[in-house]
């Protein structure tokens, strides 16, 4: 893989539809071109230092995961071969290669579908305070990183400021209707369970993950990235030990470094040193290699 990072996708001949924290999305009429850049965010702030190859890793992992999830739910993927849909100069096509997907436009359901199989992160904080997560009561005596009695659906939505806001299933039903809320809950739990089995066979624990669904041609489909280190907690099953935080295949090196700084977690974010960049890149590559033999 190349070490030249892509901080922003600029394609003058295409209409920019939206620029997210990581993905730049362009309109192709009734389809969209999603380009995963090498940007990285932490604490909801986009950092000025990209992680080389991160966008390619996220895209390739999503494509491989869709092969696992497709028997359960349809998805928005049309093709990962951009050349079939856009006429661009060779250098731009080379830049997009491996980090782009052409997808169907979808009416995104405004609920982020978080599924948790283990007690970690904000769920652990909530459990310590109230012994419940998003209105779901849990047994007493659980430790940090413990496996839950069964995976749970803990939806969230976005506030105006862009931060995730945890909600109950009942609140999700009020947002999108009971039928839709229960359907995406069931699909999210099914996809999580299939992915967790797949990962565990490769000595990776899928502690939790976040899905997005949308309506395409009257049916609910999986959209956006799927089961990447940006949207999931992957742990090394060989070193798993409940009662403490686990080593993650994600941007934990970045978070830990930022926590050591006198930074108030508001923009602009600080630059990352080369050591943190390379350690983070290596963790993303390792997740891809362990799960799919790539990286």
C-alpha atoms as a PDB file:
ATOM      1  CA  UNK A   1       0.000   0.000   0.000  1.00  0.00           C
ATOM      2  CA  UNK A   2       1.011   3.580  -0.609  1.00  0.00           C
ATOM      3  CA  UNK A   3       2.199   5.814   2.196  1.00  0.00           C
ATOM      4  CA  UNK A   4       0.925   8.965   0.424  1.00  0.00           C
ATOM      5  CA  UNK A   5      -2.197  10.003   2.361  1.00  0.00           C
ATOM      6  CA  UNK A   6      -5.362  11.493   0.878  1.00  0.00           C
ATOM      7  CA  UNK A   7      -6.706  14.218   3.143  1.00  0.00           C
ATOM      8  CA  UNK A   8      -9.457  15.388   0.802  1.00  0.00           C
ATOM      9  CA  UNK A   9     -10.937  14.147  -2.458  1.00  0.00           C
ATOM     10  CA  UNK A  10     -11.223  16.975  -4.968  1.00  0.00           C
ATOM     11  CA  UNK A  11     -12.909  16.019  -8.248  1.00  0.00           C
ATOM     12  CA  UNK A  12     -13.733  19.260 -10.110  1.00  0.00           C
ATOM     13  CA  UNK A  13     -15.867  17.525 -12.753  1.00  0.00           C
ATOM     14  CA  UNK A  14     -18.206  15.988 -10.139  1.00  0.00           C
ATOM     15  CA  UNK A  15     -20.661  17.650  -7.767  1.00  0.00           C
ATOM     16  CA  UNK A  16     -19.676  17.327  -4.116  1.00  0.00           C
ATOM     17  CA  UNK A  17     -22.787  16.119  -2.287  1.00  0.00           C
ATOM     18  CA  UNK A  18     -21.397  15.984   1.247  1.00  0.00           C
ATOM     19  CA  UNK A  19     -18.075  15.981   3.055  1.00  0.00           C
ATOM     20  CA  UNK A  20     -18.163  13.940   6.253  1.00  0.00           C
ATOM     21  CA  UNK A  21     -15.555  13.294   8.902  1.00  0.00           C
ATOM     22  CA  UNK A  22     -13.848  10.660   6.760  1.00  0.00           C
ATOM     23  CA  UNK A  23     -15.825  10.286   3.513  1.00  0.00           C
ATOM     24  CA  UNK A  24     -16.265  12.686   0.626  1.00  0.00           C
ATOM     25  CA  UNK A  25     -19.444  11.902  -1.315  1.00  0.00           C
ATOM     26  CA  UNK A  26     -20.136  12.998  -4.902  1.00  0.00           C
ATOM     27  CA  UNK A  27     -23.376  12.929  -6.855  1.00  0.00           C
ATOM     28  CA  UNK A  28     -23.653  10.664  -9.905  1.00  0.00           C
ATOM     29  CA  UNK A  29     -27.309  11.385 -10.642  1.00  0.00           C
ATOM     30  CA  UNK A  30     -29.308   8.524  -9.136  1.00  0.00           C
ATOM     31  CA  UNK A  31     -26.127   7.103  -7.586  1.00  0.00           C
ATOM     32  CA  UNK A  32     -23.381   8.358  -5.279  1.00  0.00           C
ATOM     33  CA  UNK A  33     -19.612   8.027  -5.329  1.00  0.00           C
ATOM     34  CA  UNK A  34     -18.234   7.497  -1.820  1.00  0.00           C
ATOM     35  CA  UNK A  35     -14.534   8.200  -1.375  1.00  0.00           C
ATOM     36  CA  UNK A  36     -12.943   7.163   1.921  1.00  0.00           C
ATOM     37  CA  UNK A  37     -10.123   9.608   2.671  1.00  0.00           C
ATOM     38  CA  UNK A  38      -7.331   9.107   5.179  1.00  0.00           C
ATOM     39  CA  UNK A  39      -8.777  11.666   7.585  1.00  0.00           C
ATOM     40  CA  UNK A  40      -9.149  10.612  11.186  1.00  0.00           C
ATOM     41  CA  UNK A  41     -11.388  12.082  13.866  1.00  0.00           C
ATOM     42  CA  UNK A  42     -11.308  11.785  17.624  1.00  0.00           C
ATOM     43  CA  UNK A  43     -13.776  13.155  20.155  1.00  0.00           C
ATOM     44  CA  UNK A  44     -15.840  14.340  17.155  1.00  0.00           C
ATOM     45  CA  UNK A  45     -13.005  16.560  15.903  1.00  0.00           C
ATOM     46  CA  UNK A  46     -11.305  15.975  12.528  1.00  0.00           C
ATOM     47  CA  UNK A  47      -7.559  15.987  13.143  1.00  0.00           C
ATOM     48  CA  UNK A  48      -5.132  17.741  10.765  1.00  0.00           C
ATOM     49  CA  UNK A  49      -2.891  14.657  10.401  1.00  0.00           C
ATOM     50  CA  UNK A  50      -4.162  11.858   8.119  1.00  0.00           C
ATOM     51  CA  UNK A  51      -3.359   8.155   8.545  1.00  0.00           C
ATOM     52  CA  UNK A  52      -1.871   6.792   5.275  1.00  0.00           C
ATOM     53  CA  UNK A  53      -3.986   4.059   3.623  1.00  0.00           C
ATOM     54  CA  UNK A  54      -6.742   4.269   6.235  1.00  0.00           C
ATOM     55  CA  UNK A  55      -9.408   5.000   3.607  1.00  0.00           C
ATOM     56  CA  UNK A  56      -8.374   2.036   1.479  1.00  0.00           C
ATOM     57  CA  UNK A  57      -8.423  -0.271   4.503  1.00  0.00           C
ATOM     58  CA  UNK A  58     -11.903   0.902   5.520  1.00  0.00           C
ATOM     59  CA  UNK A  59     -13.244   0.467   1.997  1.00  0.00           C
ATOM     60  CA  UNK A  60     -11.729  -2.961   1.436  1.00  0.00           C
ATOM     61  CA  UNK A  61     -12.978  -4.206   4.803  1.00  0.00           C
ATOM     62  CA  UNK A  62     -16.477  -2.904   4.057  1.00  0.00           C
ATOM     63  CA  UNK A  63     -16.499  -4.694   0.705  1.00  0.00           C
ATOM     64  CA  UNK A  64     -15.443  -7.978   2.307  1.00  0.00           C
ATOM     65  CA  UNK A  65     -17.947  -7.644   5.136  1.00  0.00           C
ATOM     66  CA  UNK A  66     -20.789  -7.035   2.681  1.00  0.00           C
ATOM     67  CA  UNK A  67     -20.167 -10.547   1.344  1.00  0.00           C
ATOM     68  CA  UNK A  68     -20.807 -11.812   4.879  1.00  0.00           C
ATOM     69  CA  UNK A  69     -23.876  -9.668   5.552  1.00  0.00           C
ATOM     70  CA  UNK A  70     -25.606  -9.876   2.150  1.00  0.00           C
ATOM     71  CA  UNK A  71     -27.444 -13.144   2.934  1.00  0.00           C
ATOM     72  CA  UNK A  72     -29.088 -11.284   5.838  1.00  0.00           C
ATOM     73  CA  UNK A  73     -29.847  -7.855   4.394  1.00  0.00           C
ATOM     74  CA  UNK A  74     -29.507  -6.026   1.082  1.00  0.00           C
ATOM     75  CA  UNK A  75     -27.037  -3.163   0.808  1.00  0.00           C
ATOM     76  CA  UNK A  76     -26.433  -0.065  -1.302  1.00  0.00           C
ATOM     77  CA  UNK A  77     -23.293  -1.223  -3.150  1.00  0.00           C
ATOM     78  CA  UNK A  78     -23.358  -1.002  -6.939  1.00  0.00           C
ATOM     79  CA  UNK A  79     -19.663  -1.418  -7.729  1.00  0.00           C
ATOM     80  CA  UNK A  80     -16.181  -0.773  -6.401  1.00  0.00           C
ATOM     81  CA  UNK A  81     -14.940  -0.253  -9.976  1.00  0.00           C
ATOM     82  CA  UNK A  82     -15.296   3.503 -10.354  1.00  0.00           C
ATOM     83  CA  UNK A  83     -14.125   3.391 -13.984  1.00  0.00           C
ATOM     84  CA  UNK A  84     -17.494   1.960 -15.027  1.00  0.00           C
ATOM     85  CA  UNK A  85     -19.322   5.085 -13.893  1.00  0.00           C
ATOM     86  CA  UNK A  86     -17.068   8.132 -14.200  1.00  0.00           C
ATOM     87  CA  UNK A  87     -14.759   9.406 -16.917  1.00  0.00           C
ATOM     88  CA  UNK A  88     -11.782  10.917 -15.097  1.00  0.00           C
ATOM     89  CA  UNK A  89      -8.101  11.468 -15.858  1.00  0.00           C
ATOM     90  CA  UNK A  90      -5.819   8.542 -15.082  1.00  0.00           C
ATOM     91  CA  UNK A  91      -4.210  10.239 -12.079  1.00  0.00           C
ATOM     92  CA  UNK A  92      -7.586  10.868 -10.444  1.00  0.00           C
ATOM     93  CA  UNK A  93      -8.721   7.305 -11.052  1.00  0.00           C
ATOM     94  CA  UNK A  94      -5.488   6.011  -9.523  1.00  0.00           C
ATOM     95  CA  UNK A  95      -6.118   8.213  -6.502  1.00  0.00           C
ATOM     96  CA  UNK A  96      -9.622   6.755  -6.077  1.00  0.00           C
ATOM     97  CA  UNK A  97      -8.556   3.166  -6.662  1.00  0.00           C
ATOM     98  CA  UNK A  98      -9.273   0.906  -3.716  1.00  0.00           C
ATOM     99  CA  UNK A  99     -10.917   3.587  -1.602  1.00  0.00           C
ATOM    100  CA  UNK A 100     -14.147   4.261  -3.510  1.00  0.00           C
ATOM    101  CA  UNK A 101     -17.595   2.739  -3.935  1.00  0.00           C
ATOM    102  CA  UNK A 102     -20.447   3.593  -6.259  1.00  0.00           C
ATOM    103  CA  UNK A 103     -23.682   3.105  -4.336  1.00  0.00           C
ATOM    104  CA  UNK A 104     -27.405   3.541  -4.778  1.00  0.00           C
ATOM    105  CA  UNK A 105     -28.933   6.645  -3.267  1.00  0.00           C
ATOM    106  CA  UNK A 106     -30.874   5.849  -0.117  1.00  0.00           C
ATOM    107  CA  UNK A 107     -33.257   7.606   2.229  1.00  0.00           C
ATOM    108  CA  UNK A 108     -31.177   7.153   5.370  1.00  0.00           C
ATOM    109  CA  UNK A 109     -33.085   6.195   8.502  1.00  0.00           C
ATOM    110  CA  UNK A 110     -32.058   8.757  11.160  1.00  0.00           C
ATOM    111  CA  UNK A 111     -31.144   6.216  13.842  1.00  0.00           C
ATOM    112  CA  UNK A 112     -27.644   4.868  14.338  1.00  0.00           C
ATOM    113  CA  UNK A 113     -27.928   1.180  15.118  1.00  0.00           C
ATOM    114  CA  UNK A 114     -25.406   0.321  17.819  1.00  0.00           C
ATOM    115  CA  UNK A 115     -25.148  -3.318  18.871  1.00  0.00           C
ATOM    116  CA  UNK A 116     -23.108  -4.306  21.898  1.00  0.00           C
ATOM    117  CA  UNK A 117     -21.976  -7.802  22.827  1.00  0.00           C
ATOM    118  CA  UNK A 118     -19.536  -6.684  25.515  1.00  0.00           C
ATOM    119  CA  UNK A 119     -19.529  -4.021  28.206  1.00  0.00           C
ATOM    120  CA  UNK A 120     -17.171  -1.236  27.169  1.00  0.00           C
ATOM    121  CA  UNK A 121     -16.905   2.460  26.450  1.00  0.00           C
ATOM    122  CA  UNK A 122     -19.965   4.591  27.129  1.00  0.00           C
ATOM    123  CA  UNK A 123     -21.978   1.441  27.905  1.00  0.00           C
ATOM    124  CA  UNK A 124     -19.618   0.623  30.775  1.00  0.00           C
ATOM    125  CA  UNK A 125     -19.971   4.182  32.097  1.00  0.00           C
ATOM    126  CA  UNK A 126     -23.765   3.969  31.904  1.00  0.00           C
ATOM    127  CA  UNK A 127     -23.790   0.560  33.601  1.00  0.00           C
ATOM    128  CA  UNK A 128     -21.680   1.807  36.485  1.00  0.00           C
ATOM    129  CA  UNK A 129     -24.062   4.692  37.112  1.00  0.00           C
ATOM    130  CA  UNK A 130     -27.461   3.089  36.501  1.00  0.00           C
ATOM    131  CA  UNK A 131     -26.951  -0.642  35.765  1.00  0.00           C
ATOM    132  CA  UNK A 132     -28.725  -0.096  32.467  1.00  0.00           C
ATOM    133  CA  UNK A 133     -27.933   0.978  28.909  1.00  0.00           C
ATOM    134  CA  UNK A 134     -30.495   2.806  26.760  1.00  0.00           C
ATOM    135  CA  UNK A 135     -33.260   1.572  29.072  1.00  0.00           C
ATOM    136  CA  UNK A 136     -32.076  -2.059  29.014  1.00  0.00           C
ATOM    137  CA  UNK A 137     -31.493  -3.351  32.550  1.00  0.00           C
ATOM    138  CA  UNK A 138     -28.458  -5.583  33.022  1.00  0.00           C
ATOM    139  CA  UNK A 139     -27.507  -8.032  35.783  1.00  0.00           C
ATOM    140  CA  UNK A 140     -25.473  -6.862  38.761  1.00  0.00           C
ATOM    141  CA  UNK A 141     -21.823  -7.734  39.116  1.00  0.00           C
ATOM    142  CA  UNK A 142     -20.649  -7.271  35.527  1.00  0.00           C
ATOM    143  CA  UNK A 143     -17.073  -6.104  34.990  1.00  0.00           C
ATOM    144  CA  UNK A 144     -15.613  -3.838  32.350  1.00  0.00           C
ATOM    145  CA  UNK A 145     -15.265  -5.749  29.046  1.00  0.00           C
ATOM    146  CA  UNK A 146     -17.471  -8.614  30.262  1.00  0.00           C
ATOM    147  CA  UNK A 147     -19.502 -10.426  27.626  1.00  0.00           C
ATOM    148  CA  UNK A 148     -23.184  -9.524  27.952  1.00  0.00           C
ATOM    149  CA  UNK A 149     -25.810 -12.229  28.516  1.00  0.00           C
ATOM    150  CA  UNK A 150     -26.882 -11.546  24.927  1.00  0.00           C
ATOM    151  CA  UNK A 151     -26.147  -8.794  22.400  1.00  0.00           C
ATOM    152  CA  UNK A 152     -28.212  -5.664  22.955  1.00  0.00           C
ATOM    153  CA  UNK A 153     -29.475  -2.941  20.615  1.00  0.00           C
ATOM    154  CA  UNK A 154     -28.583   0.510  21.944  1.00  0.00           C
ATOM    155  CA  UNK A 155     -29.596   3.049  19.291  1.00  0.00           C
ATOM    156  CA  UNK A 156     -28.417   6.614  19.071  1.00  0.00           C
ATOM    157  CA  UNK A 157     -29.186   9.684  17.041  1.00  0.00           C
ATOM    158  CA  UNK A 158     -27.270  12.817  16.160  1.00  0.00           C
ATOM    159  CA  UNK A 159     -27.652  16.115  17.969  1.00  0.00           C
ATOM    160  CA  UNK A 160     -27.241  19.392  16.097  1.00  0.00           C
ATOM    161  CA  UNK A 161     -23.636  19.592  17.311  1.00  0.00           C
ATOM    162  CA  UNK A 162     -22.878  16.239  15.725  1.00  0.00           C
ATOM    163  CA  UNK A 163     -22.394  14.207  18.893  1.00  0.00           C
ATOM    164  CA  UNK A 164     -23.996  10.793  19.288  1.00  0.00           C
ATOM    165  CA  UNK A 165     -26.973  10.858  21.657  1.00  0.00           C
ATOM    166  CA  UNK A 166     -28.092   7.534  23.128  1.00  0.00           C
ATOM    167  CA  UNK A 167     -31.823   6.842  22.954  1.00  0.00           C
ATOM    168  CA  UNK A 168     -34.139   4.005  23.946  1.00  0.00           C
ATOM    169  CA  UNK A 169     -35.918   1.725  21.504  1.00  0.00           C
ATOM    170  CA  UNK A 170     -39.144   3.531  22.381  1.00  0.00           C
ATOM    171  CA  UNK A 171     -37.585   6.861  21.415  1.00  0.00           C
ATOM    172  CA  UNK A 172     -36.377   5.309  18.163  1.00  0.00           C
ATOM    173  CA  UNK A 173     -39.934   4.150  17.493  1.00  0.00           C
ATOM    174  CA  UNK A 174     -41.160   7.711  17.981  1.00  0.00           C
ATOM    175  CA  UNK A 175     -38.541   8.963  15.505  1.00  0.00           C
ATOM    176  CA  UNK A 176     -39.046   6.505  12.662  1.00  0.00           C
ATOM    177  CA  UNK A 177     -42.148   4.473  13.549  1.00  0.00           C
ATOM    178  CA  UNK A 178     -42.455   1.222  15.458  1.00  0.00           C
ATOM    179  CA  UNK A 179     -42.262  -1.053  12.417  1.00  0.00           C
ATOM    180  CA  UNK A 180     -39.094   0.531  11.047  1.00  0.00           C
ATOM    181  CA  UNK A 181     -37.419   0.757  14.467  1.00  0.00           C
ATOM    182  CA  UNK A 182     -38.056  -2.890  15.262  1.00  0.00           C
ATOM    183  CA  UNK A 183     -37.016  -3.999  11.789  1.00  0.00           C
ATOM    184  CA  UNK A 184     -33.641  -2.229  11.942  1.00  0.00           C
ATOM    185  CA  UNK A 185     -33.135  -3.535  15.492  1.00  0.00           C
ATOM    186  CA  UNK A 186     -33.694  -7.122  14.322  1.00  0.00           C
ATOM    187  CA  UNK A 187     -31.455  -6.695  11.278  1.00  0.00           C
ATOM    188  CA  UNK A 188     -28.694  -5.048  13.302  1.00  0.00           C
ATOM    189  CA  UNK A 189     -28.707  -7.880  15.849  1.00  0.00           C
ATOM    190  CA  UNK A 190     -28.645 -10.521  13.097  1.00  0.00           C
ATOM    191  CA  UNK A 191     -25.777  -8.846  11.241  1.00  0.00           C
ATOM    192  CA  UNK A 192     -23.814  -8.357  14.465  1.00  0.00           C
ATOM    193  CA  UNK A 193     -24.220 -12.009  15.447  1.00  0.00           C
ATOM    194  CA  UNK A 194     -23.056 -13.253  12.030  1.00  0.00           C
ATOM    195  CA  UNK A 195     -20.079 -10.889  12.025  1.00  0.00           C
ATOM    196  CA  UNK A 196     -19.140 -11.735  15.619  1.00  0.00           C
ATOM    197  CA  UNK A 197     -19.068 -15.453  14.754  1.00  0.00           C
ATOM    198  CA  UNK A 198     -16.949 -14.797  11.676  1.00  0.00           C
ATOM    199  CA  UNK A 199     -14.506 -12.637  13.644  1.00  0.00           C
ATOM    200  CA  UNK A 200     -14.204 -15.019  16.594  1.00  0.00           C
ATOM    201  CA  UNK A 201     -13.219 -17.825  14.236  1.00  0.00           C
ATOM    202  CA  UNK A 202     -10.226 -15.592  13.429  1.00  0.00           C
ATOM    203  CA  UNK A 203      -9.431 -14.826  17.090  1.00  0.00           C
ATOM    204  CA  UNK A 204     -11.016 -11.366  16.933  1.00  0.00           C
ATOM    205  CA  UNK A 205     -13.760 -10.260  19.331  1.00  0.00           C
ATOM    206  CA  UNK A 206     -16.335  -7.871  17.894  1.00  0.00           C
ATOM    207  CA  UNK A 207     -17.199  -6.039  21.106  1.00  0.00           C
ATOM    208  CA  UNK A 208     -19.643  -3.579  19.551  1.00  0.00           C
ATOM    209  CA  UNK A 209     -20.398  -1.894  16.259  1.00  0.00           C
ATOM    210  CA  UNK A 210     -22.586   0.717  14.615  1.00  0.00           C
ATOM    211  CA  UNK A 211     -24.722   0.251  11.498  1.00  0.00           C
ATOM    212  CA  UNK A 212     -26.763   2.615   9.363  1.00  0.00           C
ATOM    213  CA  UNK A 213     -29.775   1.588   7.323  1.00  0.00           C
ATOM    214  CA  UNK A 214     -31.748   3.324   4.606  1.00  0.00           C
ATOM    215  CA  UNK A 215     -34.698   2.832   2.289  1.00  0.00           C
ATOM    216  CA  UNK A 216     -33.835   1.796  -1.278  1.00  0.00           C
ATOM    217  CA  UNK A 217     -36.655   0.934  -3.698  1.00  0.00           C
ATOM    218  CA  UNK A 218     -39.087   0.400  -0.825  1.00  0.00           C
ATOM    219  CA  UNK A 219     -36.845  -1.976   1.154  1.00  0.00           C
ATOM    220  CA  UNK A 220     -34.473  -1.462   4.073  1.00  0.00           C
ATOM    221  CA  UNK A 221     -30.804  -1.818   3.116  1.00  0.00           C
ATOM    222  CA  UNK A 222     -27.445  -1.551   4.862  1.00  0.00           C
ATOM    223  CA  UNK A 223     -25.627   1.686   3.949  1.00  0.00           C
ATOM    224  CA  UNK A 224     -22.383   3.505   4.704  1.00  0.00           C
ATOM    225  CA  UNK A 225     -19.308   1.721   6.052  1.00  0.00           C
ATOM    226  CA  UNK A 226     -19.740  -1.701   7.635  1.00  0.00           C
ATOM    227  CA  UNK A 227     -17.808  -3.280  10.503  1.00  0.00           C
ATOM    228  CA  UNK A 228     -14.612  -1.259  10.174  1.00  0.00           C
ATOM    229  CA  UNK A 229     -12.257  -0.192  12.978  1.00  0.00           C
ATOM    230  CA  UNK A 230     -13.819   3.291  12.692  1.00  0.00           C
ATOM    231  CA  UNK A 231     -17.300   1.983  13.505  1.00  0.00           C
ATOM    232  CA  UNK A 232     -16.473  -1.035  15.682  1.00  0.00           C
ATOM    233  CA  UNK A 233     -14.442  -2.230  18.635  1.00  0.00           C
ATOM    234  CA  UNK A 234     -12.290  -5.182  17.623  1.00  0.00           C
ATOM    235  CA  UNK A 235     -10.321  -6.925  20.382  1.00  0.00           C
ATOM    236  CA  UNK A 236      -7.660  -9.613  20.235  1.00  0.00           C
ATOM    237  CA  UNK A 237      -9.371 -12.759  21.551  1.00  0.00           C
ATOM    238  CA  UNK A 238      -5.990 -14.265  22.448  1.00  0.00           C
ATOM    239  CA  UNK A 239      -5.352 -11.508  24.996  1.00  0.00           C
ATOM    240  CA  UNK A 240      -8.932 -10.973  26.163  1.00  0.00           C
ATOM    241  CA  UNK A 241      -9.225 -10.528  29.920  1.00  0.00           C
ATOM    242  CA  UNK A 242     -12.417  -9.033  31.388  1.00  0.00           C
ATOM    243  CA  UNK A 243     -12.153  -6.604  34.262  1.00  0.00           C
ATOM    244  CA  UNK A 244     -10.020  -4.079  32.371  1.00  0.00           C
ATOM    245  CA  UNK A 245      -9.914  -2.178  29.063  1.00  0.00           C
ATOM    246  CA  UNK A 246      -8.821  -4.261  26.069  1.00  0.00           C
ATOM    247  CA  UNK A 247      -6.269  -3.570  23.362  1.00  0.00           C
ATOM    248  CA  UNK A 248      -8.266  -2.446  20.312  1.00  0.00           C
ATOM    249  CA  UNK A 249      -7.649  -2.594  16.567  1.00  0.00           C
ATOM    250  CA  UNK A 250      -8.637   1.022  16.081  1.00  0.00           C
ATOM    251  CA  UNK A 251      -7.570   4.592  16.865  1.00  0.00           C
ATOM    252  CA  UNK A 252      -6.896   3.995  20.565  1.00  0.00           C
ATOM    253  CA  UNK A 253      -3.294   5.164  20.124  1.00  0.00           C
ATOM    254  CA  UNK A 254      -4.691   8.471  18.867  1.00  0.00           C
ATOM    255  CA  UNK A 255      -7.173   8.816  21.740  1.00  0.00           C
ATOM    256  CA  UNK A 256      -4.537   7.973  24.357  1.00  0.00           C
ATOM    257  CA  UNK A 257      -2.098  10.492  22.888  1.00  0.00           C
ATOM    258  CA  UNK A 258      -4.742  13.229  22.783  1.00  0.00           C
ATOM    259  CA  UNK A 259      -5.770  12.520  26.371  1.00  0.00           C
ATOM    260  CA  UNK A 260      -2.165  13.221  27.414  1.00  0.00           C
ATOM    261  CA  UNK A 261      -2.311  16.741  25.941  1.00  0.00           C
ATOM    262  CA  UNK A 262      -3.717  19.960  27.424  1.00  0.00           C
ATOM    263  CA  UNK A 263      -6.346  20.033  24.641  1.00  0.00           C
ATOM    264  CA  UNK A 264      -9.985  20.876  25.343  1.00  0.00           C
ATOM    265  CA  UNK A 265     -11.313  18.562  22.580  1.00  0.00           C
ATOM    266  CA  UNK A 266     -12.623  21.407  20.456  1.00  0.00           C
ATOM    267  CA  UNK A 267     -11.427  22.344  16.938  1.00  0.00           C
ATOM    268  CA  UNK A 268      -8.790  22.718  15.749  1.00  0.00           C
ATOM    269  CA  UNK A 269      -7.290  19.400  16.720  1.00  0.00           C
ATOM    270  CA  UNK A 270      -3.557  18.976  17.324  1.00  0.00           C
ATOM    271  CA  UNK A 271      -1.125  17.445  14.859  1.00  0.00           C
ATOM    272  CA  UNK A 272      -0.195  13.811  15.472  1.00  0.00           C
ATOM    273  CA  UNK A 273       3.447  12.737  15.791  1.00  0.00           C
ATOM    274  CA  UNK A 274       4.780  10.240  13.248  1.00  0.00           C
ATOM    275  CA  UNK A 275       5.039   7.474  15.850  1.00  0.00           C
ATOM    276  CA  UNK A 276       1.306   7.696  16.648  1.00  0.00           C
ATOM    277  CA  UNK A 277       0.439   7.814  12.935  1.00  0.00           C
ATOM    278  CA  UNK A 278       2.425   4.671  12.162  1.00  0.00           C
ATOM    279  CA  UNK A 279       1.185   2.740  15.204  1.00  0.00           C
ATOM    280  CA  UNK A 280      -2.410   3.568  14.288  1.00  0.00           C
ATOM    281  CA  UNK A 281      -1.873   2.606  10.644  1.00  0.00           C
ATOM    282  CA  UNK A 282      -0.374  -0.716  11.767  1.00  0.00           C
ATOM    283  CA  UNK A 283      -3.414  -1.510  13.938  1.00  0.00           C
ATOM    284  CA  UNK A 284      -5.808  -0.902  11.043  1.00  0.00           C
ATOM    285  CA  UNK A 285      -3.649  -3.070   8.785  1.00  0.00           C
ATOM    286  CA  UNK A 286      -3.535  -5.818  11.404  1.00  0.00           C
ATOM    287  CA  UNK A 287      -7.320  -5.864  11.724  1.00  0.00           C
ATOM    288  CA  UNK A 288      -7.645  -6.230   7.953  1.00  0.00           C
ATOM    289  CA  UNK A 289      -4.998  -8.969   7.834  1.00  0.00           C
ATOM    290  CA  UNK A 290      -6.446 -10.974  10.705  1.00  0.00           C
ATOM    291  CA  UNK A 291     -10.000 -10.834   9.376  1.00  0.00           C
ATOM    292  CA  UNK A 292      -9.439 -11.115   5.638  1.00  0.00           C
ATOM    293  CA  UNK A 293      -5.817 -12.037   5.007  1.00  0.00           C
ATOM    294  CA  UNK A 294      -5.000  -8.569   3.658  1.00  0.00           C
ATOM    295  CA  UNK A 295      -2.998  -5.633   4.939  1.00  0.00           C
END
